[in-house]
Amino acid sequence: MLTEYIDYQDGDTELEGYMVYHETETPKSAVLVAHDWSGRREFACKAAERIASLGYVGFALDMYGKGIFGRDGDIEGNAALMNPYANDRALLRQRINAALQAVRQLPQVDATKVAAMGYCFGGMCVLELARSGADVKGVISIHGIFTRGKVANEKMNAKVLCLHGHDDPMVPPEQVLAFEQEMTEAGVDWQMHIYGGTMHAFTNPVANNPSFGTVYKEIAAKRAYQSISNFLAEIF
């Protein structure tokens, strides 16, 4: 696999993505990978590599700015990075759409075949990408946040897959139901896969904070990645 750091812009903000792909003369389908609240760190980059192993271009995008990262276990610090975007969904939509436009311009990418997936905060980001009406084939929320912001939704074009832990304290059942109703009313082709006995951050091997609600669960992660593979094969 080939790897490359890609500089791109959102207005005056400099951003840095991480692209992974197998060399080919033919442009490929691409998947944006939106990071968790700690920034575009190793976990997001490894996810982009996993996408490339499936035969696509993986692109770990940057929501915060080049060189801006949080730390594992730093709840206050990571929340401070995330909250400006969680509280301003127009800003969030602008930032992730900047990544989409950057990826579409890459010569390795078939601009007509782009999807997005995201973890935790990144799940919120890709759902907002879909809500913004972006022309993407599909989005995948992986233990993501479902709550809507105050910005009105545009007509949604993307298929939606959500991979959710039933015992996730950050997304209680009433929020799941509200999201399902939102997607149904919008006429979206949506799926919700719910894993029993599973908390937040279940795909992250370093997640081990039951009191906070973040716990890795291997079997749920395995099932989730199989569902991701199936979904991408379907939409592409």
C-alpha atoms as a PDB file:
ATOM      1  CA  MET A   1       0.000   0.000   0.000  1.00  0.00           C
ATOM      2  CA  LEU A   2       1.047   3.561  -0.690  1.00  0.00           C
ATOM      3  CA  THR A   3       0.546   6.279   1.917  1.00  0.00           C
ATOM      4  CA  GLU A   4       0.601  10.032   1.559  1.00  0.00           C
ATOM      5  CA  TYR A   5      -0.204  13.047   3.715  1.00  0.00           C
ATOM      6  CA  ILE A   6      -2.448  15.492   1.865  1.00  0.00           C
ATOM      7  CA  ASP A   7      -2.666  19.180   2.764  1.00  0.00           C
ATOM      8  CA  TYR A   8      -5.984  20.857   2.049  1.00  0.00           C
ATOM      9  CA  GLN A   9      -7.907  23.928   3.194  1.00  0.00           C
ATOM     10  CA  ASP A  10     -11.188  25.001   4.724  1.00  0.00           C
ATOM     11  CA  GLY A  11     -11.083  28.745   4.225  1.00  0.00           C
ATOM     12  CA  ASP A  12      -8.017  29.938   6.129  1.00  0.00           C
ATOM     13  CA  THR A  13      -7.690  26.717   8.136  1.00  0.00           C
ATOM     14  CA  GLU A  14      -4.914  24.358   7.061  1.00  0.00           C
ATOM     15  CA  LEU A  15      -5.824  20.694   7.334  1.00  0.00           C
ATOM     16  CA  GLU A  16      -3.917  17.465   6.816  1.00  0.00           C
ATOM     17  CA  GLY A  17      -5.407  14.183   5.638  1.00  0.00           C
ATOM     18  CA  TYR A  18      -3.800  10.742   5.439  1.00  0.00           C
ATOM     19  CA  MET A  19      -4.404   8.845   2.185  1.00  0.00           C
ATOM     20  CA  VAL A  20      -3.821   5.117   1.688  1.00  0.00           C
ATOM     21  CA  TYR A  21      -4.250   3.212  -1.574  1.00  0.00           C
ATOM     22  CA  HIS A  22      -2.919   0.487  -3.830  1.00  0.00           C
ATOM     23  CA  GLU A  23      -1.242   1.938  -6.906  1.00  0.00           C
ATOM     24  CA  THR A  24      -3.331   1.664 -10.058  1.00  0.00           C
ATOM     25  CA  GLU A  25      -3.849   3.561 -13.290  1.00  0.00           C
ATOM     26  CA  THR A  26      -7.621   3.517 -12.784  1.00  0.00           C
ATOM     27  CA  PRO A  27      -9.209   5.892 -10.229  1.00  0.00           C
ATOM     28  CA  LYS A  28     -10.889   4.049  -7.367  1.00  0.00           C
ATOM     29  CA  SER A  29     -13.826   4.483  -5.056  1.00  0.00           C
ATOM     30  CA  ALA A  30     -12.850   6.386  -1.923  1.00  0.00           C
ATOM     31  CA  VAL A  31     -13.945   6.364   1.699  1.00  0.00           C
ATOM     32  CA  LEU A  32     -13.470   9.350   3.987  1.00  0.00           C
ATOM     33  CA  VAL A  33     -12.637   8.329   7.563  1.00  0.00           C
ATOM     34  CA  ALA A  34     -13.705  10.843  10.211  1.00  0.00           C
ATOM     35  CA  HIS A  35     -11.791  10.590  13.485  1.00  0.00           C
ATOM     36  CA  ASP A  36     -13.031  10.450  17.065  1.00  0.00           C
ATOM     37  CA  TRP A  37     -12.843  13.440  19.409  1.00  0.00           C
ATOM     38  CA  SER A  38      -9.077  13.077  19.886  1.00  0.00           C
ATOM     39  CA  GLY A  39      -8.269  14.039  16.286  1.00  0.00           C
ATOM     40  CA  ARG A  40      -6.722  12.364  13.242  1.00  0.00           C
ATOM     41  CA  ARG A  41      -4.443  10.087  15.174  1.00  0.00           C
ATOM     42  CA  GLU A  42      -3.231   6.512  14.689  1.00  0.00           C
ATOM     43  CA  PHE A  43      -6.673   4.938  15.119  1.00  0.00           C
ATOM     44  CA  ALA A  44      -8.162   6.905  12.213  1.00  0.00           C
ATOM     45  CA  CYS A  45      -5.106   6.295  10.052  1.00  0.00           C
ATOM     46  CA  LYS A  46      -5.287   2.556  10.719  1.00  0.00           C
ATOM     47  CA  ALA A  47      -8.950   2.662   9.730  1.00  0.00           C
ATOM     48  CA  ALA A  48      -7.975   4.279   6.418  1.00  0.00           C
ATOM     49  CA  GLU A  49      -5.451   1.476   5.907  1.00  0.00           C
ATOM     50  CA  ARG A  50      -8.193  -1.082   6.570  1.00  0.00           C
ATOM     51  CA  ILE A  51     -10.299   0.586   3.875  1.00  0.00           C
ATOM     52  CA  ALA A  52      -7.388   0.444   1.422  1.00  0.00           C
ATOM     53  CA  SER A  53      -7.004  -3.280   2.133  1.00  0.00           C
ATOM     54  CA  LEU A  54     -10.546  -3.695   0.779  1.00  0.00           C
ATOM     55  CA  GLY A  55      -9.447  -2.155  -2.529  1.00  0.00           C
ATOM     56  CA  TYR A  56     -10.603   1.437  -2.038  1.00  0.00           C
ATOM     57  CA  VAL A  57      -8.792   4.693  -1.382  1.00  0.00           C
ATOM     58  CA  GLY A  58      -8.862   5.411   2.351  1.00  0.00           C
ATOM     59  CA  PHE A  59      -8.630   9.045   3.447  1.00  0.00           C
ATOM     60  CA  ALA A  60      -8.402   9.888   7.150  1.00  0.00           C
ATOM     61  CA  LEU A  61      -9.686  13.457   7.192  1.00  0.00           C
ATOM     62  CA  ASP A  62      -8.878  16.257   9.614  1.00  0.00           C
ATOM     63  CA  MET A  63     -11.651  18.133  11.456  1.00  0.00           C
ATOM     64  CA  TYR A  64      -9.472  20.212  13.797  1.00  0.00           C
ATOM     65  CA  GLY A  65      -6.509  21.591  11.848  1.00  0.00           C
ATOM     66  CA  LYS A  66      -3.029  20.427  10.912  1.00  0.00           C
ATOM     67  CA  GLY A  67      -1.078  19.261  13.951  1.00  0.00           C
ATOM     68  CA  ILE A  68      -3.991  19.613  16.392  1.00  0.00           C
ATOM     69  CA  PHE A  69      -4.504  16.421  18.367  1.00  0.00           C
ATOM     70  CA  GLY A  70      -5.962  15.321  21.668  1.00  0.00           C
ATOM     71  CA  ARG A  71      -4.849  12.455  23.906  1.00  0.00           C
ATOM     72  CA  ASP A  72      -6.234   9.113  25.029  1.00  0.00           C
ATOM     73  CA  GLY A  73      -8.148   9.509  28.276  1.00  0.00           C
ATOM     74  CA  ASP A  74      -8.099  13.325  28.266  1.00  0.00           C
ATOM     75  CA  ILE A  75     -11.841  13.855  28.561  1.00  0.00           C
ATOM     76  CA  GLU A  76     -11.724  17.618  29.156  1.00  0.00           C
ATOM     77  CA  GLY A  77      -9.115  18.283  26.482  1.00  0.00           C
ATOM     78  CA  ASN A  78     -10.802  16.174  23.828  1.00  0.00           C
ATOM     79  CA  ALA A  79     -14.192  17.678  24.642  1.00  0.00           C
ATOM     80  CA  ALA A  80     -12.709  21.154  24.188  1.00  0.00           C
ATOM     81  CA  LEU A  81     -11.560  20.157  20.697  1.00  0.00           C
ATOM     82  CA  MET A  82     -14.888  18.598  19.720  1.00  0.00           C
ATOM     83  CA  ASN A  83     -17.453  20.946  21.250  1.00  0.00           C
ATOM     84  CA  PRO A  84     -17.044  23.912  18.866  1.00  0.00           C
ATOM     85  CA  TYR A  85     -18.130  21.609  16.035  1.00  0.00           C
ATOM     86  CA  ALA A  86     -20.759  19.664  17.974  1.00  0.00           C
ATOM     87  CA  ASN A  87     -22.321  22.990  18.982  1.00  0.00           C
ATOM     88  CA  ASP A  88     -22.068  24.588  15.532  1.00  0.00           C
ATOM     89  CA  ARG A  89     -23.295  22.089  12.971  1.00  0.00           C
ATOM     90  CA  ALA A  90     -22.972  24.602  10.121  1.00  0.00           C
ATOM     91  CA  LEU A  91     -19.245  24.831  10.873  1.00  0.00           C
ATOM     92  CA  LEU A  92     -19.033  21.048  11.154  1.00  0.00           C
ATOM     93  CA  ARG A  93     -20.752  20.564   7.800  1.00  0.00           C
ATOM     94  CA  GLN A  94     -18.457  23.101   6.155  1.00  0.00           C
ATOM     95  CA  ARG A  95     -15.353  21.390   7.534  1.00  0.00           C
ATOM     96  CA  ILE A  96     -16.247  17.861   6.460  1.00  0.00           C
ATOM     97  CA  ASN A  97     -17.455  19.037   3.056  1.00  0.00           C
ATOM     98  CA  ALA A  98     -14.010  20.607   2.582  1.00  0.00           C
ATOM     99  CA  ALA A  99     -12.527  17.123   2.996  1.00  0.00           C
ATOM    100  CA  LEU A 100     -15.001  15.715   0.489  1.00  0.00           C
ATOM    101  CA  GLN A 101     -14.060  18.325  -2.099  1.00  0.00           C
ATOM    102  CA  ALA A 102     -10.344  17.724  -1.502  1.00  0.00           C
ATOM    103  CA  VAL A 103     -10.706  13.974  -1.995  1.00  0.00           C
ATOM    104  CA  ARG A 104     -12.725  14.388  -5.172  1.00  0.00           C
ATOM    105  CA  GLN A 105      -9.805  16.300  -6.727  1.00  0.00           C
ATOM    106  CA  LEU A 106      -7.252  13.549  -6.099  1.00  0.00           C
ATOM    107  CA  PRO A 107      -6.165  11.706  -9.256  1.00  0.00           C
ATOM    108  CA  GLN A 108      -6.368   8.354  -7.452  1.00  0.00           C
ATOM    109  CA  VAL A 109     -10.089   8.856  -6.749  1.00  0.00           C
ATOM    110  CA  ASP A 110     -13.194   8.300  -8.854  1.00  0.00           C
ATOM    111  CA  ALA A 111     -15.039  11.503  -7.894  1.00  0.00           C
ATOM    112  CA  THR A 112     -18.419   9.875  -8.562  1.00  0.00           C
ATOM    113  CA  LYS A 113     -17.846   7.095  -6.016  1.00  0.00           C
ATOM    114  CA  VAL A 114     -17.168   8.485  -2.548  1.00  0.00           C
ATOM    115  CA  ALA A 115     -18.500   7.371   0.838  1.00  0.00           C
ATOM    116  CA  ALA A 116     -17.711   8.339   4.422  1.00  0.00           C
ATOM    117  CA  MET A 117     -17.413   6.562   7.749  1.00  0.00           C
ATOM    118  CA  GLY A 118     -16.688   7.916  11.211  1.00  0.00           C
ATOM    119  CA  TYR A 119     -16.063   6.866  14.780  1.00  0.00           C
ATOM    120  CA  CYS A 120     -17.787   8.479  17.799  1.00  0.00           C
ATOM    121  CA  PHE A 121     -17.549  12.235  17.052  1.00  0.00           C
ATOM    122  CA  GLY A 122     -16.670  11.166  13.513  1.00  0.00           C
ATOM    123  CA  GLY A 123     -19.999   9.353  13.325  1.00  0.00           C
ATOM    124  CA  MET A 124     -21.696  12.656  14.062  1.00  0.00           C
ATOM    125  CA  CYS A 125     -19.587  14.230  11.318  1.00  0.00           C
ATOM    126  CA  VAL A 126     -20.527  11.773   8.578  1.00  0.00           C
ATOM    127  CA  LEU A 127     -24.206  11.916   9.532  1.00  0.00           C
ATOM    128  CA  GLU A 128     -24.016  15.700   9.204  1.00  0.00           C
ATOM    129  CA  LEU A 129     -22.357  15.211   5.826  1.00  0.00           C
ATOM    130  CA  ALA A 130     -25.418  13.220   4.768  1.00  0.00           C
ATOM    131  CA  ARG A 131     -27.774  15.789   6.334  1.00  0.00           C
ATOM    132  CA  SER A 132     -26.026  18.535   4.360  1.00  0.00           C
ATOM    133  CA  GLY A 133     -27.218  16.886   1.145  1.00  0.00           C
ATOM    134  CA  ALA A 134     -23.712  15.981   0.007  1.00  0.00           C
ATOM    135  CA  ASP A 135     -23.556  13.784  -3.080  1.00  0.00           C
ATOM    136  CA  VAL A 136     -21.973  10.733  -1.472  1.00  0.00           C
ATOM    137  CA  LYS A 137     -22.959   7.105  -2.000  1.00  0.00           C
ATOM    138  CA  GLY A 138     -23.288   6.300   1.676  1.00  0.00           C
ATOM    139  CA  VAL A 139     -22.202   7.102   5.216  1.00  0.00           C
ATOM    140  CA  ILE A 140     -21.395   4.802   8.127  1.00  0.00           C
ATOM    141  CA  SER A 141     -21.637   5.863  11.763  1.00  0.00           C
ATOM    142  CA  ILE A 142     -19.600   3.632  14.087  1.00  0.00           C
ATOM    143  CA  HIS A 143     -20.601   4.165  17.727  1.00  0.00           C
ATOM    144  CA  GLY A 144     -21.469   7.687  16.586  1.00  0.00           C
ATOM    145  CA  ILE A 145     -23.628  10.467  18.017  1.00  0.00           C
ATOM    146  CA  PHE A 146     -27.119  10.711  16.481  1.00  0.00           C
ATOM    147  CA  THR A 147     -28.530  13.965  17.868  1.00  0.00           C
ATOM    148  CA  ARG A 148     -29.407  16.679  15.385  1.00  0.00           C
ATOM    149  CA  GLY A 149     -28.177  20.240  15.535  1.00  0.00           C
ATOM    150  CA  LYS A 150     -30.140  23.402  14.806  1.00  0.00           C
ATOM    151  CA  VAL A 151     -29.266  23.518  11.112  1.00  0.00           C
ATOM    152  CA  ALA A 152     -32.016  22.397   8.746  1.00  0.00           C
ATOM    153  CA  ASN A 153     -31.416  19.246   6.754  1.00  0.00           C
ATOM    154  CA  GLU A 154     -31.079  19.290   2.987  1.00  0.00           C
ATOM    155  CA  LYS A 155     -32.426  16.476   0.846  1.00  0.00           C
ATOM    156  CA  MET A 156     -30.370  13.457   1.832  1.00  0.00           C
ATOM    157  CA  ASN A 157     -28.852  11.429  -1.000  1.00  0.00           C
ATOM    158  CA  ALA A 158     -26.657   8.979   0.914  1.00  0.00           C
ATOM    159  CA  LYS A 159     -27.553   5.544   2.170  1.00  0.00           C
ATOM    160  CA  VAL A 160     -26.960   5.343   5.927  1.00  0.00           C
ATOM    161  CA  LEU A 161     -25.560   2.540   8.083  1.00  0.00           C
ATOM    162  CA  CYS A 162     -25.305   2.947  11.869  1.00  0.00           C
ATOM    163  CA  LEU A 163     -23.362   0.473  14.031  1.00  0.00           C
ATOM    164  CA  HIS A 164     -24.381   1.017  17.644  1.00  0.00           C
ATOM    165  CA  GLY A 165     -23.862  -0.526  21.064  1.00  0.00           C
ATOM    166  CA  HIS A 166     -27.131  -1.025  22.931  1.00  0.00           C
ATOM    167  CA  ASP A 167     -25.512  -0.073  26.245  1.00  0.00           C
ATOM    168  CA  ASP A 168     -23.871   3.104  24.908  1.00  0.00           C
ATOM    169  CA  PRO A 169     -24.625   5.715  27.619  1.00  0.00           C
ATOM    170  CA  MET A 170     -23.917   8.569  25.202  1.00  0.00           C
ATOM    171  CA  VAL A 171     -26.734   7.529  22.858  1.00  0.00           C
ATOM    172  CA  PRO A 172     -29.686   6.203  24.899  1.00  0.00           C
ATOM    173  CA  PRO A 173     -32.556   4.277  23.244  1.00  0.00           C
ATOM    174  CA  GLU A 174     -34.801   7.332  22.911  1.00  0.00           C
ATOM    175  CA  GLN A 175     -32.147   9.045  20.782  1.00  0.00           C
ATOM    176  CA  VAL A 176     -31.856   5.940  18.611  1.00  0.00           C
ATOM    177  CA  LEU A 177     -35.622   5.965  18.058  1.00  0.00           C
ATOM    178  CA  ALA A 178     -35.632   9.691  17.264  1.00  0.00           C
ATOM    179  CA  PHE A 179     -32.866   9.172  14.712  1.00  0.00           C
ATOM    180  CA  GLU A 180     -34.693   6.268  13.075  1.00  0.00           C
ATOM    181  CA  GLN A 181     -37.815   8.419  12.801  1.00  0.00           C
ATOM    182  CA  GLU A 182     -35.762  11.275  11.324  1.00  0.00           C
ATOM    183  CA  MET A 183     -34.273   9.014   8.664  1.00  0.00           C
ATOM    184  CA  THR A 184     -37.631   7.423   7.837  1.00  0.00           C
ATOM    185  CA  GLU A 185     -39.361  10.789   7.475  1.00  0.00           C
ATOM    186  CA  ALA A 186     -36.540  11.937   5.188  1.00  0.00           C
ATOM    187  CA  GLY A 187     -37.022   8.903   2.935  1.00  0.00           C
ATOM    188  CA  VAL A 188     -33.490   7.641   3.548  1.00  0.00           C
ATOM    189  CA  ASP A 189     -32.340   4.088   2.834  1.00  0.00           C
ATOM    190  CA  TRP A 190     -31.086   3.437   6.379  1.00  0.00           C
ATOM    191  CA  GLN A 191     -29.900   0.527   8.530  1.00  0.00           C
ATOM    192  CA  MET A 192     -29.319   0.309  12.274  1.00  0.00           C
ATOM    193  CA  HIS A 193     -27.247  -2.589  13.614  1.00  0.00           C
ATOM    194  CA  ILE A 194     -27.402  -2.750  17.399  1.00  0.00           C
ATOM    195  CA  TYR A 195     -25.051  -4.956  19.418  1.00  0.00           C
ATOM    196  CA  GLY A 196     -26.272  -6.225  22.774  1.00  0.00           C
ATOM    197  CA  GLY A 197     -24.082  -5.907  25.862  1.00  0.00           C
ATOM    198  CA  THR A 198     -21.957  -3.333  24.034  1.00  0.00           C
ATOM    199  CA  MET A 199     -20.920   0.168  25.105  1.00  0.00           C
ATOM    200  CA  HIS A 200     -19.409   3.198  23.359  1.00  0.00           C
ATOM    201  CA  ALA A 201     -16.107   2.966  21.415  1.00  0.00           C
ATOM    202  CA  PHE A 202     -16.464  -0.802  21.030  1.00  0.00           C
ATOM    203  CA  THR A 203     -14.101  -0.961  18.015  1.00  0.00           C
ATOM    204  CA  ASN A 204     -11.213   0.777  19.802  1.00  0.00           C
ATOM    205  CA  PRO A 205      -8.848  -1.739  21.462  1.00  0.00           C
ATOM    206  CA  VAL A 206      -7.583   0.839  23.981  1.00  0.00           C
ATOM    207  CA  ALA A 207     -11.082   1.763  25.187  1.00  0.00           C
ATOM    208  CA  ASN A 208     -11.342   0.477  28.772  1.00  0.00           C
ATOM    209  CA  ASN A 209     -13.273   2.939  30.928  1.00  0.00           C
ATOM    210  CA  PRO A 210     -16.552   1.333  32.025  1.00  0.00           C
ATOM    211  CA  SER A 211     -17.453   4.226  34.308  1.00  0.00           C
ATOM    212  CA  PHE A 212     -17.295   6.594  31.333  1.00  0.00           C
ATOM    213  CA  GLY A 213     -18.995   4.078  29.053  1.00  0.00           C
ATOM    214  CA  THR A 214     -16.162   3.338  26.618  1.00  0.00           C
ATOM    215  CA  VAL A 215     -15.242  -0.359  26.393  1.00  0.00           C
ATOM    216  CA  TYR A 216     -13.735  -2.370  23.536  1.00  0.00           C
ATOM    217  CA  LYS A 217     -15.668  -5.493  22.522  1.00  0.00           C
ATOM    218  CA  GLU A 218     -13.949  -7.754  20.039  1.00  0.00           C
ATOM    219  CA  ILE A 219     -16.967  -9.662  18.725  1.00  0.00           C
ATOM    220  CA  ALA A 220     -18.955  -6.467  18.145  1.00  0.00           C
ATOM    221  CA  ALA A 221     -15.986  -4.924  16.344  1.00  0.00           C
ATOM    222  CA  LYS A 222     -15.654  -8.000  14.127  1.00  0.00           C
ATOM    223  CA  ARG A 223     -19.351  -7.899  13.255  1.00  0.00           C
ATOM    224  CA  ALA A 224     -19.175  -4.174  12.587  1.00  0.00           C
ATOM    225  CA  TYR A 225     -16.278  -4.450  10.161  1.00  0.00           C
ATOM    226  CA  GLN A 226     -18.039  -7.239   8.273  1.00  0.00           C
ATOM    227  CA  SER A 227     -21.088  -4.988   7.953  1.00  0.00           C
ATOM    228  CA  ILE A 228     -18.882  -2.128   6.746  1.00  0.00           C
ATOM    229  CA  SER A 229     -17.363  -4.356   4.061  1.00  0.00           C
ATOM    230  CA  ASN A 230     -20.800  -5.511   2.916  1.00  0.00           C
ATOM    231  CA  PHE A 231     -22.193  -1.971   2.842  1.00  0.00           C
ATOM    232  CA  LEU A 232     -19.308  -0.566   0.805  1.00  0.00           C
ATOM    233  CA  ALA A 233     -19.533  -3.442  -1.682  1.00  0.00           C
ATOM    234  CA  GLU A 234     -23.243  -2.670  -2.093  1.00  0.00           C
ATOM    235  CA  ILE A 235     -22.986   1.088  -2.625  1.00  0.00           C
ATOM    236  CA  PHE A 236     -19.942   0.943  -4.896  1.00  0.00           C
END
